Protein backbone atom coordinates (compact mmCIF):
# COMPACT_ATOMS: atom_id res chain seq x y z
CA MET A 1 6.70 -205.55 132.08
CA GLN A 2 4.20 -207.70 133.94
CA LEU A 3 0.92 -208.47 132.19
CA ASN A 4 -2.24 -208.67 134.25
CA ILE A 5 -3.89 -211.86 132.90
CA SER A 6 -6.85 -211.87 135.33
CA ARG A 7 -8.59 -208.97 133.57
CA TYR A 8 -8.95 -211.16 130.45
CA ARG A 9 -10.28 -214.29 132.12
CA ASN A 10 -13.96 -213.32 131.86
CA VAL A 11 -13.71 -211.80 128.38
CA GLU A 12 -15.32 -213.49 125.42
CA GLU A 13 -14.44 -212.95 121.73
CA VAL A 14 -17.01 -213.52 118.96
CA LYS A 15 -16.31 -213.42 115.25
CA TYR A 16 -19.14 -212.70 112.86
CA GLU A 17 -18.45 -213.65 109.22
CA CYS A 18 -20.52 -211.26 107.06
CA GLU A 19 -21.42 -210.76 103.40
CA VAL A 20 -22.61 -207.49 101.88
CA VAL A 21 -26.08 -207.89 100.30
CA THR A 22 -26.82 -204.36 99.07
CA PRO A 23 -24.41 -201.52 98.24
CA MET A 24 -22.91 -200.16 101.40
CA PHE A 25 -22.28 -196.40 101.52
CA VAL A 26 -19.62 -195.99 104.17
CA ALA A 27 -16.63 -193.60 104.42
CA GLY A 28 -13.87 -192.36 106.62
CA ALA A 29 -12.16 -188.94 106.57
CA ASP A 30 -12.34 -189.03 102.76
CA GLN A 31 -16.01 -189.03 101.99
CA ASN A 32 -15.29 -190.10 98.41
CA LYS A 33 -13.62 -193.37 99.44
CA ALA A 34 -15.67 -196.30 100.69
CA VAL A 35 -14.25 -197.57 103.98
CA LEU A 36 -15.97 -199.68 106.67
CA ARG A 37 -14.93 -198.41 110.06
CA ALA A 38 -15.38 -200.02 113.48
CA PRO A 39 -16.93 -196.91 115.14
CA THR A 40 -19.74 -196.98 112.57
CA VAL A 41 -20.70 -200.57 113.39
CA LYS A 42 -20.30 -200.02 117.12
CA GLY A 43 -22.70 -197.07 117.07
CA LEU A 44 -25.24 -199.17 115.21
CA LEU A 45 -24.88 -202.00 117.76
CA ARG A 46 -25.67 -199.52 120.45
CA TYR A 47 -28.82 -198.38 118.64
CA TRP A 48 -30.04 -201.97 118.08
CA TRP A 49 -29.15 -202.94 121.61
CA ARG A 50 -31.72 -200.32 122.71
CA ALA A 51 -34.29 -201.72 120.24
CA THR A 52 -33.84 -205.35 121.41
CA ASN A 53 -33.78 -204.91 125.23
CA GLU A 54 -36.27 -204.00 127.87
CA PHE A 55 -35.93 -202.85 131.47
CA ASP A 56 -38.21 -201.73 134.33
CA SER A 57 -37.24 -198.11 133.96
CA LEU A 58 -35.35 -195.65 131.70
CA ARG A 59 -32.82 -195.20 134.47
CA ASP A 60 -32.05 -198.96 134.48
CA LEU A 61 -31.76 -198.98 130.66
CA LYS A 62 -29.29 -196.09 130.64
CA LYS A 63 -27.25 -197.64 133.44
CA ARG A 64 -26.87 -200.93 131.62
CA GLU A 65 -26.23 -199.17 128.28
CA GLY A 66 -23.50 -197.11 129.88
CA GLU A 67 -21.91 -200.19 131.46
CA ILE A 68 -21.69 -201.89 128.10
CA PHE A 69 -21.06 -199.17 125.61
CA GLY A 70 -19.61 -196.45 127.83
CA THR A 71 -20.63 -192.93 128.80
CA THR A 72 -18.96 -189.52 128.74
CA GLU A 73 -17.35 -190.44 132.02
CA SER A 74 -16.58 -194.12 131.50
CA LYS A 75 -14.97 -196.21 128.73
CA SER A 76 -16.86 -198.88 126.79
CA LYS A 77 -16.29 -202.51 127.83
CA VAL A 78 -16.81 -203.58 124.25
CA SER A 79 -14.02 -203.53 121.66
CA LEU A 80 -14.75 -204.11 118.01
CA HIS A 81 -12.47 -204.77 114.99
CA ILE A 82 -13.26 -205.14 111.31
CA ASP A 83 -11.30 -207.17 108.73
CA MET A 84 -11.79 -207.12 104.95
CA ASP A 85 -9.26 -209.13 102.94
CA THR A 86 -10.02 -207.65 99.59
CA VAL A 87 -12.59 -205.02 98.78
CA LYS A 88 -14.43 -204.50 95.51
CA ASN A 89 -15.95 -201.05 95.34
CA GLY A 90 -18.63 -199.72 93.08
CA HIS A 91 -19.03 -196.25 91.69
CA SER A 92 -22.44 -196.11 90.08
CA LEU A 93 -25.68 -197.90 91.01
CA PRO A 94 -27.43 -200.15 88.48
CA ARG A 95 -30.89 -199.15 87.44
CA GLY A 96 -33.83 -200.36 89.44
CA SER A 97 -35.34 -203.59 88.19
CA PHE A 98 -38.89 -204.56 88.90
CA SER A 99 -41.64 -205.39 86.46
CA ARG A 100 -44.59 -203.93 88.48
CA LYS A 101 -43.51 -200.33 88.58
CA PRO A 102 -46.20 -197.87 89.79
CA ASP A 103 -47.54 -195.77 86.89
CA LYS A 104 -47.03 -192.44 88.65
CA PHE A 105 -43.46 -193.04 89.68
CA GLN A 106 -40.96 -191.14 87.52
CA GLY A 107 -37.26 -191.73 87.52
CA ASP A 108 -35.14 -194.59 88.89
CA ILE A 109 -36.17 -196.19 92.22
CA LEU A 110 -32.62 -197.05 93.34
CA LYS A 111 -31.47 -193.50 92.80
CA TYR A 112 -34.55 -192.30 94.61
CA LEU A 113 -33.64 -194.46 97.64
CA ALA A 114 -29.96 -193.47 97.49
CA TYR A 115 -30.76 -189.72 97.04
CA GLY A 116 -27.67 -187.66 97.86
CA THR A 117 -25.31 -190.66 97.84
CA SER A 118 -25.88 -192.33 94.49
CA GLN A 119 -22.68 -190.92 93.01
CA ARG A 120 -20.51 -191.90 95.97
CA GLU A 121 -18.25 -194.94 96.00
CA TYR A 122 -19.73 -197.92 97.84
CA ILE A 123 -18.74 -201.36 99.02
CA SER A 124 -20.22 -203.76 96.44
CA PRO A 125 -22.53 -206.73 97.21
CA GLU A 126 -20.85 -210.10 97.88
CA ASN A 127 -17.82 -208.50 99.58
CA LEU A 128 -16.94 -210.42 102.72
CA PHE A 129 -15.90 -208.92 106.08
CA ARG A 130 -15.43 -210.07 109.60
CA ILE A 131 -16.63 -208.30 112.76
CA THR A 132 -14.65 -209.34 115.87
CA ILE A 133 -16.19 -208.22 119.18
CA ARG A 134 -14.57 -208.65 122.61
CA PHE A 135 -16.67 -208.11 125.71
CA PRO A 136 -17.17 -209.39 129.30
CA LYS A 137 -19.01 -212.71 129.24
CA GLU A 138 -21.92 -211.32 131.18
CA TYR A 139 -22.88 -209.15 128.18
CA LYS A 140 -23.04 -212.05 125.69
CA GLN A 141 -26.85 -211.94 125.25
CA ASP A 142 -26.73 -208.16 124.98
CA ILE A 143 -24.28 -208.26 122.12
CA GLN A 144 -25.99 -211.10 120.36
CA SER A 145 -29.40 -209.38 120.51
CA ALA A 146 -27.89 -206.19 119.07
CA MET A 147 -26.23 -208.04 116.22
CA TYR A 148 -29.42 -209.88 115.52
CA GLY A 149 -31.38 -206.64 115.19
CA LEU A 150 -28.69 -204.97 113.04
CA SER A 151 -28.25 -207.93 110.65
CA VAL A 152 -31.95 -208.89 110.29
CA PHE A 153 -33.76 -205.45 110.30
CA GLY A 154 -31.02 -202.86 109.70
CA GLY A 155 -27.97 -202.08 107.63
CA ILE A 156 -24.66 -200.29 107.80
CA GLY A 157 -23.83 -196.86 106.31
CA ALA A 158 -25.73 -193.96 104.74
CA LYS A 159 -29.28 -194.76 103.49
CA SER A 160 -29.38 -197.96 105.59
CA ARG A 161 -33.03 -197.25 106.39
CA ASN A 162 -33.66 -197.23 102.69
CA GLY A 163 -32.28 -200.75 102.26
CA PHE A 164 -28.65 -199.99 101.45
CA GLY A 165 -25.91 -201.57 103.59
CA SER A 166 -27.90 -204.75 104.23
CA PHE A 167 -25.66 -207.72 105.05
CA ARG A 168 -26.07 -211.30 106.15
CA LEU A 169 -24.18 -213.45 108.61
CA VAL A 170 -22.34 -216.30 106.93
CA ASN A 171 -21.61 -219.53 108.87
CA THR A 172 -22.32 -217.72 112.11
CA ARG A 173 -25.09 -218.63 114.57
CA ILE A 174 -26.63 -216.29 117.03
CA ASP A 175 -27.74 -218.24 120.09
CA GLN A 176 -31.40 -218.09 121.22
CA PRO A 177 -32.80 -216.00 118.31
CA GLU A 178 -36.34 -216.70 119.48
CA VAL A 179 -35.61 -214.84 122.70
CA VAL A 180 -34.45 -211.86 120.72
CA ARG A 181 -37.46 -212.00 118.39
CA THR A 182 -39.74 -211.91 121.35
CA LYS A 183 -37.99 -208.87 122.72
CA MET A 184 -38.20 -207.11 119.31
CA LEU A 185 -42.00 -207.43 119.49
CA SER A 186 -42.48 -206.25 123.10
CA VAL A 187 -40.06 -203.38 123.72
CA ALA A 188 -41.28 -200.99 126.41
CA GLU A 189 -41.95 -197.28 125.99
CA TYR A 190 -38.73 -195.92 127.40
CA THR A 191 -36.62 -197.48 124.66
CA LYS A 192 -38.19 -194.74 122.41
CA VAL A 193 -39.65 -197.53 120.30
CA ASN A 194 -43.36 -198.20 120.61
CA LYS A 195 -45.06 -201.57 120.65
CA GLY A 196 -47.11 -200.78 117.56
CA ARG A 197 -44.44 -202.13 115.26
CA ARG A 198 -45.26 -203.96 112.00
CA LEU A 199 -43.23 -206.26 109.72
CA PHE A 200 -43.81 -206.97 106.02
CA LYS A 201 -41.95 -209.32 103.69
CA THR A 202 -42.20 -209.53 99.93
CA ARG A 203 -44.47 -212.32 98.70
CA ASP A 204 -41.91 -213.11 95.97
CA VAL A 205 -38.28 -213.98 96.13
CA PHE A 206 -35.91 -212.53 93.54
CA ASP A 207 -32.83 -213.52 91.67
CA GLY A 208 -30.98 -210.29 92.48
CA TRP A 209 -30.85 -207.70 95.22
CA GLU A 210 -31.78 -205.04 92.66
CA GLU A 211 -35.23 -206.52 92.17
CA ALA A 212 -35.85 -207.05 95.84
CA LEU A 213 -34.81 -203.51 96.78
CA SER A 214 -36.71 -202.02 93.86
CA CYS A 215 -39.92 -203.85 94.95
CA ILE A 216 -39.80 -202.61 98.56
CA GLY A 217 -38.67 -199.20 97.36
CA TYR A 218 -41.77 -198.83 95.22
CA VAL A 219 -43.97 -200.08 98.08
CA TYR A 220 -42.47 -197.52 100.49
CA TRP A 221 -42.90 -194.74 97.94
CA GLN A 222 -46.58 -195.61 97.51
CA ALA A 223 -47.08 -195.69 101.24
CA ARG A 224 -45.45 -192.29 101.68
CA MET A 225 -47.42 -190.71 98.89
CA ALA A 226 -50.66 -192.12 100.19
CA VAL A 227 -50.63 -190.13 103.37
CA ASP A 228 -51.11 -186.72 101.64
CA ASP A 229 -53.09 -185.22 98.80
CA ARG A 230 -51.01 -183.85 95.92
CA HIS A 231 -48.99 -180.70 96.88
CA GLU A 232 -49.61 -181.34 100.58
CA PHE A 233 -46.75 -182.35 102.87
CA ASP A 234 -47.92 -182.49 106.52
CA GLY A 235 -48.44 -186.30 106.44
CA ARG A 236 -45.11 -186.98 104.74
CA ALA A 237 -43.40 -184.73 107.31
CA GLN A 238 -44.64 -187.03 110.00
CA ILE A 239 -42.83 -189.91 108.37
CA ALA A 240 -39.43 -188.35 107.50
CA LEU A 241 -37.63 -185.11 106.92
CA PRO A 242 -36.32 -183.40 104.88
CA ILE A 243 -38.79 -183.68 101.97
CA THR A 244 -37.49 -183.32 98.47
CA ALA A 245 -39.61 -183.38 95.31
CA ARG A 246 -39.36 -182.00 91.77
CA ASN A 247 -41.53 -179.07 90.78
CA GLU A 248 -43.42 -178.97 94.06
CA PRO A 249 -43.65 -175.93 96.41
CA ILE A 250 -42.26 -177.57 99.55
CA PRO A 251 -42.37 -175.33 102.65
CA ASP A 252 -38.89 -174.38 103.89
CA LYS A 253 -39.49 -175.97 107.33
CA TYR A 254 -39.88 -179.35 105.61
CA LYS A 255 -36.78 -178.86 103.44
CA LYS A 256 -34.36 -177.89 106.25
CA GLN A 257 -35.39 -180.02 109.27
CA ARG A 258 -34.14 -183.59 109.71
CA GLN A 259 -36.03 -186.50 111.17
CA ALA A 260 -35.15 -190.18 110.70
CA LYS A 261 -38.08 -192.25 109.49
CA PRO A 262 -39.44 -195.11 111.55
CA PHE A 263 -39.42 -197.39 108.46
CA PHE A 264 -36.53 -199.78 107.84
CA LEU A 265 -36.09 -201.26 104.39
CA HIS A 266 -33.92 -204.37 104.31
CA VAL A 267 -32.90 -207.04 101.77
CA SER A 268 -31.98 -210.52 102.91
CA ARG A 269 -30.16 -213.21 101.00
CA MET A 270 -31.37 -216.64 102.11
CA LYS A 271 -28.87 -219.18 103.38
CA SER A 272 -30.66 -222.47 102.75
CA GLY A 273 -33.81 -224.25 101.58
CA GLU A 274 -35.45 -224.16 98.19
CA HIS A 275 -34.76 -220.42 97.90
CA LYS A 276 -31.08 -220.65 98.81
CA ASP A 277 -29.17 -217.50 97.66
CA LYS A 278 -32.42 -215.85 96.49
CA TYR A 279 -33.33 -212.35 97.77
CA ARG A 280 -36.34 -211.17 99.78
CA GLY A 281 -37.28 -207.59 100.73
CA MET A 282 -38.57 -206.57 104.05
CA ILE A 283 -40.11 -203.37 105.50
CA SER A 284 -40.32 -203.05 109.29
CA PHE A 285 -42.04 -200.19 111.10
CA PHE A 286 -40.80 -199.02 114.47
CA PRO A 287 -43.00 -196.10 115.56
CA LEU A 288 -41.29 -193.75 117.96
CA THR A 289 -43.12 -193.17 121.25
CA TYR A 290 -42.86 -189.39 121.24
CA MET A 291 -44.60 -189.35 117.79
CA LEU A 292 -47.55 -191.32 119.13
CA LYS A 293 -48.02 -188.94 122.03
CA ASN A 294 -48.86 -185.95 119.81
CA ASP A 295 -52.39 -184.88 118.79
CA GLY A 296 -53.16 -188.18 117.12
CA THR A 297 -52.05 -187.06 113.63
CA TYR A 298 -49.20 -189.50 113.60
CA ASN A 299 -51.57 -192.42 114.33
CA LYS A 300 -53.70 -191.45 111.32
CA VAL A 301 -50.64 -191.09 109.07
CA PHE A 302 -49.31 -194.47 110.26
CA GLU A 303 -52.65 -196.17 109.45
CA LYS A 304 -52.74 -194.71 105.99
CA ALA A 305 -49.21 -195.75 105.24
CA ILE A 306 -49.79 -199.33 106.48
CA LYS A 307 -52.97 -199.63 104.48
CA ALA A 308 -51.14 -198.43 101.39
CA ILE A 309 -48.50 -201.09 101.89
CA GLU A 310 -51.16 -203.73 102.19
CA ARG A 311 -52.99 -202.46 99.11
CA THR A 312 -49.93 -202.94 96.87
CA GLY A 313 -50.32 -206.67 97.19
CA GLU A 314 -46.55 -207.09 97.13
CA MET A 315 -46.08 -207.75 100.85
CA LYS A 316 -47.33 -210.23 103.36
């Protein structure tokens, strides 16, 4: 059999060494077994590629996206493989740990953030894994910008927008991160992410991920509760659906619908400097364009939430 070498000459392979920072709720066919699968990561890279790139038109964006990640008619030019030598899985979350707990919050903040998954097996923090990506060299910046967005703002698995599944790149450098950061702050309307985004980081650094995630969890909870009066839900429904709450008469339409929130909670573990291996929490806000085109309600909800975050004094 003759092997066609020419098709591989312009292909680049990049290996990202990664470390799990917060519990990662991932699964395969067996939902009770924690397994990190390549299709999960590839789908997330596609999302963050959209968030970190800009084009002159929606048509151009979709064309480029299809070239890289494939369409219903064409195969993806990107292949992705994941290796984990040994995996330590967890089965129950620790309790939330943060000294400045809001007086009105009842229960455990980590279970609140992990609602619906807290009893599932997860990949524990400090597990190491490797993501190997092969792609045509012309797409190098595209892949790097997507990986930057995923690793710095996002996470892998269920409840990743609530801070679970955060990971850091270990001994891996992404070229030209400033270019990517600039793009993250100036994405055009057709990416479905509006320019009115905001970024908050915890003022403090923490010894453990539990404290960092608890801190931003409480901040997010306060922001969400600030947009409505008690027993009202219209504001919270603008942020995320479904709504669940104990002993409150939630309308069926808010219990059954689904809408991903534009807030991303993330925990980073610092690589160097005086805070090496300490943890910091981050909340980023990526308002969706279609929301901002409504009757103005969403703008008001957004402003209330942001002001509530600032009032906590925990973020900068």
